[in-house]
Amino acid sequence: MADWGLLFGWRTALLGVAILQCVLLAGALARSGPNRAANRFLAVALVVVAGMLTPYAIGFAGAYDRFRWLTFAPFAIPLAFGPLLYGYAHALADGTAPRRMRLHLLPALAQFAYLALCFLIPGDAKWAWYTGGHRAIVSPVLDVMGLVSLAAYAYAIGGLLRRQRKRLADHRSDDERFSAHWLGRVLTVILAGLGLKAGFWLWSLIAGGIDFFQETGLYLALAGVGVYLGVAGWRQAALPVPLAASDPISAEQEPSRSPDWPSIAAEIADRTRDAGWWREPDLSLARLSRLLGTNNGRLSRAINLGLGVNFSNFVNGLRAEGVARALEAGSDDDLLSLALDMGFASKASFNRAFKARFGVSPSRYRRQVSDPAFLPADAEMRRAAP
């Protein structure tokens, strides 16, 4: 390497390690997990991050000074990052790619084609274009497009996140296990990256340009983003698709006279409580519909209109009742063991559901039960806030 005139300092070392980690995690994700569509989108996004880091990793080593022909080598395609993370978010939600995904990737393909064509320009003409028209016109346009792309896809992922939270709560009792919290973190990462990129862009605009080394912080942050997405995404890779794309709440013919939803809901709650179906950790709307001998639409409306809660709140409310009954019966099991035995997926979801149902924390409820002056909470199901 010394004969090539390259210098491998700490910047190149840190970025090189991040590139290697991103590529290895991408390879692992591409072959793993039941939700392969989502994992493959994230794998390609990690490859894009590795490509964005590569010009800086080799540039800090002096590769572009030593081998000027590397100018315009199409390593970095930042316009692909936003669409791929959007594809990842969409596939996390229902296991499928977004409609017209190829159209989302067209700007990235155009960026790649432009860089590839410029890379093929011979010697001095290439350098003249790089230091002339490209630097003055094309590069600023691509920077703005990159910012707009990140902002647009952050907005789109935010919409997906809101819809996914509602769909999960309407269909699953174990909604805490699935992608909504992770999607929120992905969105946070994109927004942080957008803010950082915008800050460096404004710095360059105000200062009349910043050099390669002044952008070190930006690309170290990008390296951190890539490694975080890879490692945290790997931890999510084993989760199945929570809801199929074709899993809307089925419609049913409404009778001319509106049903008595509170009475229907009370019967459903009694049957579900008495049969103990609520203790199934992964109980879903479709599963409970089959057990009750009804359909998704009728069950959903009964719970929503008759009890004023979504499916997740309904089932977790019954689970909280189960924990309360165990405490009232004098159980000395620790609270987490009781919660898991009643079907809760996590301590956090248990605490939230119990407080929503009884207005106090589980530990305080236990203390109150042991107090002879304790008056039990109202047995009526609490209604969700409108």
Protein backbone atom coordinates (compact mmCIF):
# COMPACT_ATOMS: atom_id res chain seq x y z
CA MET A 1 0.00 0.00 0.00
CA ALA A 2 2.88 2.34 0.67
CA ASP A 3 3.92 2.00 -3.00
CA TRP A 4 0.50 3.28 -3.99
CA GLY A 5 1.03 6.45 -1.98
CA LEU A 6 -2.00 5.87 0.27
CA LEU A 7 -2.27 6.74 3.95
CA PHE A 8 -4.66 4.79 6.14
CA GLY A 9 -5.46 7.04 9.08
CA TRP A 10 -8.14 6.88 11.75
CA ARG A 11 -10.88 8.26 9.50
CA THR A 12 -10.34 5.57 6.90
CA ALA A 13 -10.11 2.92 9.63
CA LEU A 14 -13.40 3.92 11.30
CA LEU A 15 -15.29 4.23 8.03
CA GLY A 16 -13.77 1.00 6.76
CA VAL A 17 -14.96 -0.91 9.81
CA ALA A 18 -18.45 0.57 9.41
CA ILE A 19 -18.52 -0.38 5.72
CA LEU A 20 -17.51 -3.94 6.54
CA GLN A 21 -20.16 -4.18 9.28
CA CYS A 22 -22.87 -2.84 6.97
CA VAL A 23 -21.98 -5.32 4.23
CA LEU A 24 -21.86 -8.28 6.63
CA LEU A 25 -25.17 -7.32 8.22
CA ALA A 26 -26.71 -6.86 4.77
CA GLY A 27 -25.62 -10.37 3.81
CA ALA A 28 -27.09 -11.83 6.99
CA LEU A 29 -30.38 -9.95 6.63
CA ALA A 30 -30.83 -10.92 2.99
CA ARG A 31 -31.06 -14.59 3.94
CA SER A 32 -32.91 -14.45 7.25
CA GLY A 33 -36.28 -14.14 8.91
CA PRO A 34 -39.87 -14.89 7.94
CA ASN A 35 -40.43 -11.34 6.65
CA ARG A 36 -37.94 -11.61 3.82
CA ALA A 37 -39.33 -8.68 1.86
CA ALA A 38 -38.59 -6.27 4.73
CA ASN A 39 -35.19 -7.78 5.53
CA ARG A 40 -34.06 -7.57 1.91
CA PHE A 41 -35.08 -3.93 1.64
CA LEU A 42 -33.02 -3.17 4.74
CA ALA A 43 -30.12 -5.24 3.37
CA VAL A 44 -30.03 -3.18 0.17
CA ALA A 45 -30.31 0.04 2.20
CA LEU A 46 -27.23 -1.02 4.19
CA VAL A 47 -25.34 -1.65 0.95
CA VAL A 48 -26.32 1.88 -0.13
CA VAL A 49 -24.95 3.24 3.17
CA ALA A 50 -21.71 1.32 2.60
CA GLY A 51 -21.53 2.83 -0.88
CA MET A 52 -22.08 6.35 0.47
CA LEU A 53 -19.23 5.84 2.96
CA THR A 54 -16.81 4.37 0.43
CA PRO A 55 -15.74 7.59 -1.38
CA TYR A 56 -14.84 9.13 1.98
CA ALA A 57 -13.10 6.03 3.31
CA ILE A 58 -10.83 5.83 0.27
CA GLY A 59 -10.72 9.61 -0.16
CA PHE A 60 -9.29 10.16 3.32
CA ALA A 61 -6.60 7.63 2.35
CA GLY A 62 -5.71 9.77 -0.67
CA ALA A 63 -7.10 7.43 -3.35
CA TYR A 64 -8.66 10.20 -5.45
CA ASP A 65 -5.40 12.18 -5.45
CA ARG A 66 -3.39 9.10 -6.42
CA PHE A 67 -5.92 7.62 -8.86
CA ARG A 68 -7.83 10.48 -10.40
CA TRP A 69 -9.62 8.09 -12.74
CA LEU A 70 -11.75 7.06 -9.72
CA THR A 71 -13.60 10.38 -10.01
CA PHE A 72 -17.33 9.75 -10.56
CA ALA A 73 -17.02 6.06 -9.63
CA PRO A 74 -20.69 5.29 -8.82
CA PHE A 75 -20.26 4.21 -5.23
CA ALA A 76 -22.59 6.69 -3.53
CA ILE A 77 -26.28 6.73 -4.56
CA PRO A 78 -27.92 8.67 -1.71
CA LEU A 79 -31.20 9.07 -3.63
CA ALA A 80 -31.77 5.34 -3.06
CA PHE A 81 -31.68 5.56 0.74
CA GLY A 82 -35.10 7.14 1.37
CA PRO A 83 -37.07 4.90 -1.04
CA LEU A 84 -35.42 1.74 0.33
CA LEU A 85 -36.23 2.65 3.93
CA TYR A 86 -39.80 3.40 2.83
CA GLY A 87 -39.92 -0.02 1.17
CA TYR A 88 -38.58 -1.54 4.38
CA ALA A 89 -41.23 0.21 6.48
CA HIS A 90 -44.00 -0.86 4.11
CA ALA A 91 -42.82 -4.48 4.09
CA LEU A 92 -42.52 -4.48 7.88
CA ALA A 93 -46.18 -3.48 8.05
CA ASP A 94 -47.71 -6.05 5.71
CA GLY A 95 -44.93 -8.11 4.12
CA THR A 96 -45.09 -6.57 0.65
CA ALA A 97 -43.23 -3.92 -1.32
CA PRO A 98 -44.99 -0.60 -1.97
CA ARG A 99 -46.92 -0.31 -5.19
CA ARG A 100 -44.85 1.06 -8.09
CA MET A 101 -41.61 0.61 -6.15
CA ARG A 102 -39.67 0.93 -9.40
CA LEU A 103 -40.99 4.46 -9.81
CA HIS A 104 -39.75 5.32 -6.31
CA LEU A 105 -36.29 4.13 -7.33
CA LEU A 106 -36.16 6.00 -10.66
CA PRO A 107 -34.30 9.07 -9.27
CA ALA A 108 -31.69 6.77 -7.74
CA LEU A 109 -31.30 4.87 -11.02
CA ALA A 110 -30.93 8.18 -12.85
CA GLN A 111 -28.25 9.26 -10.36
CA PHE A 112 -26.38 5.98 -10.85
CA ALA A 113 -26.61 6.28 -14.65
CA TYR A 114 -25.31 9.87 -14.54
CA LEU A 115 -22.31 8.91 -12.38
CA ALA A 116 -21.58 5.83 -14.50
CA LEU A 117 -21.61 7.86 -17.72
CA CYS A 118 -19.40 10.55 -16.19
CA PHE A 119 -17.03 7.84 -14.91
CA LEU A 120 -16.51 6.73 -18.52
CA ILE A 121 -15.47 10.19 -19.72
CA PRO A 122 -11.77 10.05 -20.62
CA GLY A 123 -9.01 11.63 -18.48
CA ASP A 124 -8.75 15.41 -18.56
CA ALA A 125 -12.27 15.94 -19.88
CA LYS A 126 -13.66 14.10 -16.86
CA TRP A 127 -11.69 16.27 -14.42
CA ALA A 128 -12.72 19.44 -16.26
CA TRP A 129 -16.40 18.48 -15.98
CA TYR A 130 -16.02 17.51 -12.31
CA THR A 131 -14.42 20.83 -11.33
CA GLY A 132 -16.67 22.83 -13.67
CA GLY A 133 -20.28 22.08 -14.51
CA HIS A 134 -20.71 19.21 -12.07
CA ARG A 135 -19.43 21.08 -9.03
CA ALA A 136 -21.23 24.32 -9.93
CA ILE A 137 -24.60 22.98 -11.04
CA VAL A 138 -25.18 19.23 -10.79
CA SER A 139 -23.75 18.62 -7.31
CA PRO A 140 -25.90 21.31 -5.61
CA VAL A 141 -28.99 20.02 -7.42
CA LEU A 142 -28.27 16.46 -6.24
CA ASP A 143 -27.74 17.72 -2.67
CA VAL A 144 -31.13 19.46 -2.68
CA MET A 145 -32.77 16.39 -4.21
CA GLY A 146 -31.25 14.27 -1.46
CA LEU A 147 -32.69 16.52 1.24
CA VAL A 148 -36.11 16.63 -0.42
CA SER A 149 -36.09 12.84 -0.86
CA LEU A 150 -35.29 12.21 2.80
CA ALA A 151 -37.96 14.68 3.93
CA ALA A 152 -40.60 13.20 1.63
CA TYR A 153 -39.92 9.62 2.68
CA ALA A 154 -39.77 10.57 6.36
CA TYR A 155 -43.27 12.01 5.91
CA ALA A 156 -44.43 8.87 4.09
CA ILE A 157 -43.01 6.59 6.79
CA GLY A 158 -44.71 8.75 9.43
CA GLY A 159 -48.04 8.09 7.70
CA LEU A 160 -47.28 4.38 7.56
CA LEU A 161 -46.43 4.40 11.25
CA ARG A 162 -49.74 6.03 12.22
CA ARG A 163 -51.75 3.59 10.11
CA GLN A 164 -49.76 0.60 11.35
CA ARG A 165 -50.30 1.46 15.00
CA LYS A 166 -54.06 1.63 14.42
CA ARG A 167 -54.16 -1.57 12.35
CA LEU A 168 -52.16 -3.51 14.93
CA ALA A 169 -54.34 -2.29 17.78
CA ASP A 170 -57.48 -3.22 15.81
CA HIS A 171 -56.26 -6.71 14.86
CA ARG A 172 -53.82 -8.03 17.45
CA SER A 173 -53.61 -8.33 21.21
CA ASP A 174 -49.80 -8.62 21.06
CA ASP A 175 -49.38 -5.43 19.02
CA GLU A 176 -46.49 -4.31 21.27
CA ARG A 177 -44.32 -7.10 19.83
CA PHE A 178 -44.44 -5.84 16.30
CA SER A 179 -43.09 -3.15 14.08
CA ALA A 180 -44.70 0.07 15.29
CA HIS A 181 -42.04 0.94 17.90
CA TRP A 182 -39.21 -0.06 15.56
CA LEU A 183 -40.75 1.96 12.73
CA GLY A 184 -40.80 4.93 15.08
CA ARG A 185 -37.06 4.50 15.66
CA VAL A 186 -36.42 4.23 11.91
CA LEU A 187 -38.33 7.47 11.43
CA THR A 188 -36.31 9.13 14.20
CA VAL A 189 -33.06 8.03 12.54
CA ILE A 190 -34.17 9.48 9.20
CA LEU A 191 -35.19 12.77 10.76
CA ALA A 192 -31.88 12.99 12.64
CA GLY A 193 -30.01 12.27 9.42
CA LEU A 194 -32.07 14.85 7.58
CA GLY A 195 -31.28 17.48 10.21
CA LEU A 196 -27.58 16.67 10.16
CA LYS A 197 -27.39 16.69 6.38
CA ALA A 198 -29.30 19.99 6.22
CA GLY A 199 -26.94 21.50 8.81
CA PHE A 200 -23.83 20.59 6.82
CA TRP A 201 -25.47 21.78 3.61
CA LEU A 202 -26.29 25.16 5.17
CA TRP A 203 -22.76 25.37 6.58
CA SER A 204 -21.35 24.79 3.10
CA LEU A 205 -23.74 27.32 1.58
CA ILE A 206 -22.90 30.02 4.11
CA ALA A 207 -19.16 29.34 4.09
CA GLY A 208 -18.94 29.18 0.32
CA GLY A 209 -18.02 25.49 0.42
CA ILE A 210 -16.45 23.11 2.93
CA ASP A 211 -13.68 20.64 2.23
CA PHE A 212 -13.50 16.90 2.42
CA PHE A 213 -12.16 16.83 5.96
CA GLN A 214 -14.76 19.26 7.33
CA GLU A 215 -17.44 16.72 6.40
CA THR A 216 -15.88 14.07 8.63
CA GLY A 217 -18.60 14.43 11.27
CA LEU A 218 -21.36 13.92 8.72
CA TYR A 219 -19.95 10.66 7.44
CA LEU A 220 -19.04 9.32 10.86
CA ALA A 221 -22.67 9.98 11.82
CA LEU A 222 -23.83 8.18 8.66
CA ALA A 223 -21.60 5.25 9.63
CA GLY A 224 -23.30 5.16 13.02
CA VAL A 225 -26.73 5.26 11.37
CA GLY A 226 -25.85 2.35 9.10
CA VAL A 227 -24.48 0.17 11.88
CA TYR A 228 -27.43 1.00 14.16
CA LEU A 229 -30.01 0.18 11.46
CA GLY A 230 -28.21 -3.06 10.67
CA VAL A 231 -27.84 -4.29 14.25
CA ALA A 232 -31.29 -3.18 15.42
CA GLY A 233 -32.89 -4.41 12.19
CA TRP A 234 -31.23 -7.79 12.71
CA ARG A 235 -32.89 -7.97 16.12
CA GLN A 236 -36.27 -7.42 14.40
CA ALA A 237 -35.57 -9.88 11.60
CA ALA A 238 -37.10 -12.92 13.28
CA LEU A 239 -40.54 -11.32 13.70
CA PRO A 240 -43.21 -12.59 11.30
CA VAL A 241 -45.41 -10.32 9.21
CA PRO A 242 -48.00 -9.08 11.75
CA LEU A 243 -50.73 -8.34 9.23
CA ALA A 244 -51.16 -9.40 5.63
CA ALA A 245 -51.76 -6.73 3.01
CA SER A 246 -55.09 -8.43 2.29
CA ASP A 247 -56.15 -8.49 5.95
CA PRO A 248 -58.63 -5.61 6.24
CA ILE A 249 -61.54 -5.93 8.62
CA SER A 250 -64.12 -7.72 6.51
CA ALA A 251 -67.34 -5.93 5.78
CA GLU A 252 -70.77 -7.37 6.36
CA GLN A 253 -74.24 -6.39 5.18
CA GLU A 254 -75.69 -3.95 7.71
CA PRO A 255 -79.30 -4.71 8.69
CA SER A 256 -81.90 -2.00 8.26
CA ARG A 257 -82.05 -1.69 12.04
CA SER A 258 -78.81 -0.94 13.86
CA PRO A 259 -77.74 -3.81 16.17
CA ASP A 260 -77.56 -3.33 19.91
CA TRP A 261 -73.77 -3.21 19.96
CA PRO A 262 -73.38 -2.79 23.76
CA SER A 263 -75.40 -5.97 24.39
CA ILE A 264 -73.55 -7.87 21.68
CA ALA A 265 -70.21 -6.64 23.04
CA ALA A 266 -71.15 -7.65 26.60
CA GLU A 267 -71.95 -11.18 25.40
CA ILE A 268 -68.66 -11.34 23.48
CA ALA A 269 -66.73 -10.13 26.52
CA ASP A 270 -68.43 -12.70 28.77
CA ARG A 271 -67.76 -15.58 26.38
CA THR A 272 -64.15 -14.53 25.84
CA ARG A 273 -63.59 -14.09 29.58
CA ASP A 274 -65.24 -17.39 30.56
CA ALA A 275 -63.46 -19.44 27.87
CA GLY A 276 -60.06 -17.96 28.75
CA TRP A 277 -59.21 -17.19 25.12
CA TRP A 278 -57.65 -13.90 26.22
CA ARG A 279 -54.72 -15.85 27.71
CA GLU A 280 -53.40 -16.75 24.24
CA PRO A 281 -50.32 -14.48 23.89
CA ASP A 282 -50.79 -13.97 20.13
CA LEU A 283 -54.58 -13.76 20.08
CA SER A 284 -55.72 -11.90 16.96
CA LEU A 285 -59.02 -10.51 15.75
CA ALA A 286 -59.25 -13.24 13.11
CA ARG A 287 -58.55 -15.98 15.67
CA LEU A 288 -61.14 -14.70 18.15
CA SER A 289 -63.68 -14.31 15.33
CA ARG A 290 -63.28 -17.98 14.48
CA LEU A 291 -63.58 -19.02 18.12
CA LEU A 292 -66.79 -16.98 18.51
CA GLY A 293 -68.22 -18.19 15.19
CA THR A 294 -68.52 -14.68 13.75
CA ASN A 295 -66.56 -12.54 11.27
CA ASN A 296 -63.91 -9.87 11.67
CA GLY A 297 -66.19 -6.98 10.78
CA ARG A 298 -68.94 -7.82 13.26
CA LEU A 299 -66.48 -8.51 16.08
CA SER A 300 -64.54 -5.32 15.42
CA ARG A 301 -67.67 -3.17 15.39
CA ALA A 302 -68.99 -4.81 18.53
CA ILE A 303 -65.78 -4.04 20.41
CA ASN A 304 -65.35 -0.54 18.96
CA LEU A 305 -68.99 0.58 19.18
CA GLY A 306 -70.15 -1.50 22.11
CA LEU A 307 -67.17 -1.07 24.44
CA GLY A 308 -65.50 2.02 23.00
CA VAL A 309 -62.06 0.36 22.83
CA ASN A 310 -59.92 -1.23 20.13
CA PHE A 311 -59.19 -4.96 19.98
CA SER A 312 -55.83 -4.71 21.74
CA ASN A 313 -57.28 -2.69 24.63
CA PHE A 314 -60.19 -5.11 24.92
CA VAL A 315 -58.03 -8.25 25.22
CA ASN A 316 -55.38 -6.64 27.39
CA GLY A 317 -58.13 -5.32 29.66
CA LEU A 318 -59.29 -8.91 30.19
CA ARG A 319 -55.71 -9.94 30.89
CA ALA A 320 -55.40 -7.14 33.44
CA GLU A 321 -58.59 -8.42 35.08
CA GLY A 322 -57.00 -11.85 35.25
CA VAL A 323 -53.96 -10.47 37.05
CA ALA A 324 -56.21 -8.51 39.44
CA ARG A 325 -58.21 -11.65 40.26
CA ALA A 326 -55.00 -13.55 40.98
CA LEU A 327 -53.83 -10.77 43.30
CA GLU A 328 -57.18 -10.67 45.08
CA ALA A 329 -56.94 -14.44 45.54
CA GLY A 330 -53.68 -13.91 47.41
CA SER A 331 -51.17 -14.99 44.75
CA ASP A 332 -47.60 -14.30 45.85
CA ASP A 333 -46.09 -14.76 42.36
CA ASP A 334 -44.08 -11.81 41.12
CA LEU A 335 -46.04 -9.44 38.90
CA LEU A 336 -44.11 -10.11 35.69
CA SER A 337 -44.67 -13.87 36.00
CA LEU A 338 -48.38 -13.26 36.53
CA ALA A 339 -48.50 -10.93 33.55
CA LEU A 340 -46.77 -13.38 31.20
CA ASP A 341 -49.00 -16.19 32.43
CA MET A 342 -52.07 -14.10 31.57
CA GLY A 343 -50.85 -13.54 28.01
CA PHE A 344 -49.02 -10.19 28.14
CA ALA A 345 -46.02 -9.93 25.83
CA SER A 346 -43.94 -7.55 27.96
CA LYS A 347 -43.76 -5.76 31.29
CA ALA A 348 -44.34 -2.39 29.60
CA SER A 349 -47.54 -3.50 27.88
CA PHE A 350 -48.75 -5.08 31.14
CA ASN A 351 -48.17 -1.91 33.18
CA ARG A 352 -49.93 0.28 30.59
CA ALA A 353 -52.92 -2.03 30.25
CA PHE A 354 -53.33 -2.54 33.99
CA LYS A 355 -53.22 1.18 34.76
CA ALA A 356 -55.65 1.90 31.92
CA ARG A 357 -58.05 -0.71 33.29
CA PHE A 358 -57.82 0.00 37.03
CA GLY A 359 -56.33 3.48 37.27
CA VAL A 360 -53.38 2.38 39.44
CA SER A 361 -50.12 0.52 38.87
CA PRO A 362 -50.07 -3.27 39.46
CA SER A 363 -47.76 -2.91 42.47
CA ARG A 364 -50.06 -0.36 44.10
CA TYR A 365 -53.07 -2.54 43.38
CA ARG A 366 -51.32 -5.42 45.17
CA ARG A 367 -50.71 -3.20 48.21
CA GLN A 368 -54.32 -2.04 48.17
CA VAL A 369 -55.61 -5.62 48.03
CA SER A 370 -53.76 -6.41 51.26
CA ASP A 371 -55.41 -3.42 52.99
CA PRO A 372 -58.73 -4.31 54.69
CA ALA A 373 -60.07 -0.84 53.90
CA PHE A 374 -59.45 -1.32 50.20
CA LEU A 375 -62.45 -0.80 47.90
CA PRO A 376 -62.12 -2.69 44.58
CA ALA A 377 -62.11 -0.77 41.32
CA ASP A 378 -65.28 -0.46 39.28
CA ALA A 379 -65.68 -3.66 37.25
CA GLU A 380 -66.97 -1.86 34.17
CA MET A 381 -64.56 -1.91 31.24
CA ARG A 382 -62.78 1.44 30.95
CA ARG A 383 -63.40 3.20 27.67
CA ALA A 384 -60.59 4.41 25.45
CA ALA A 385 -60.16 8.14 25.06
CA PRO A 386 -61.89 9.39 21.90
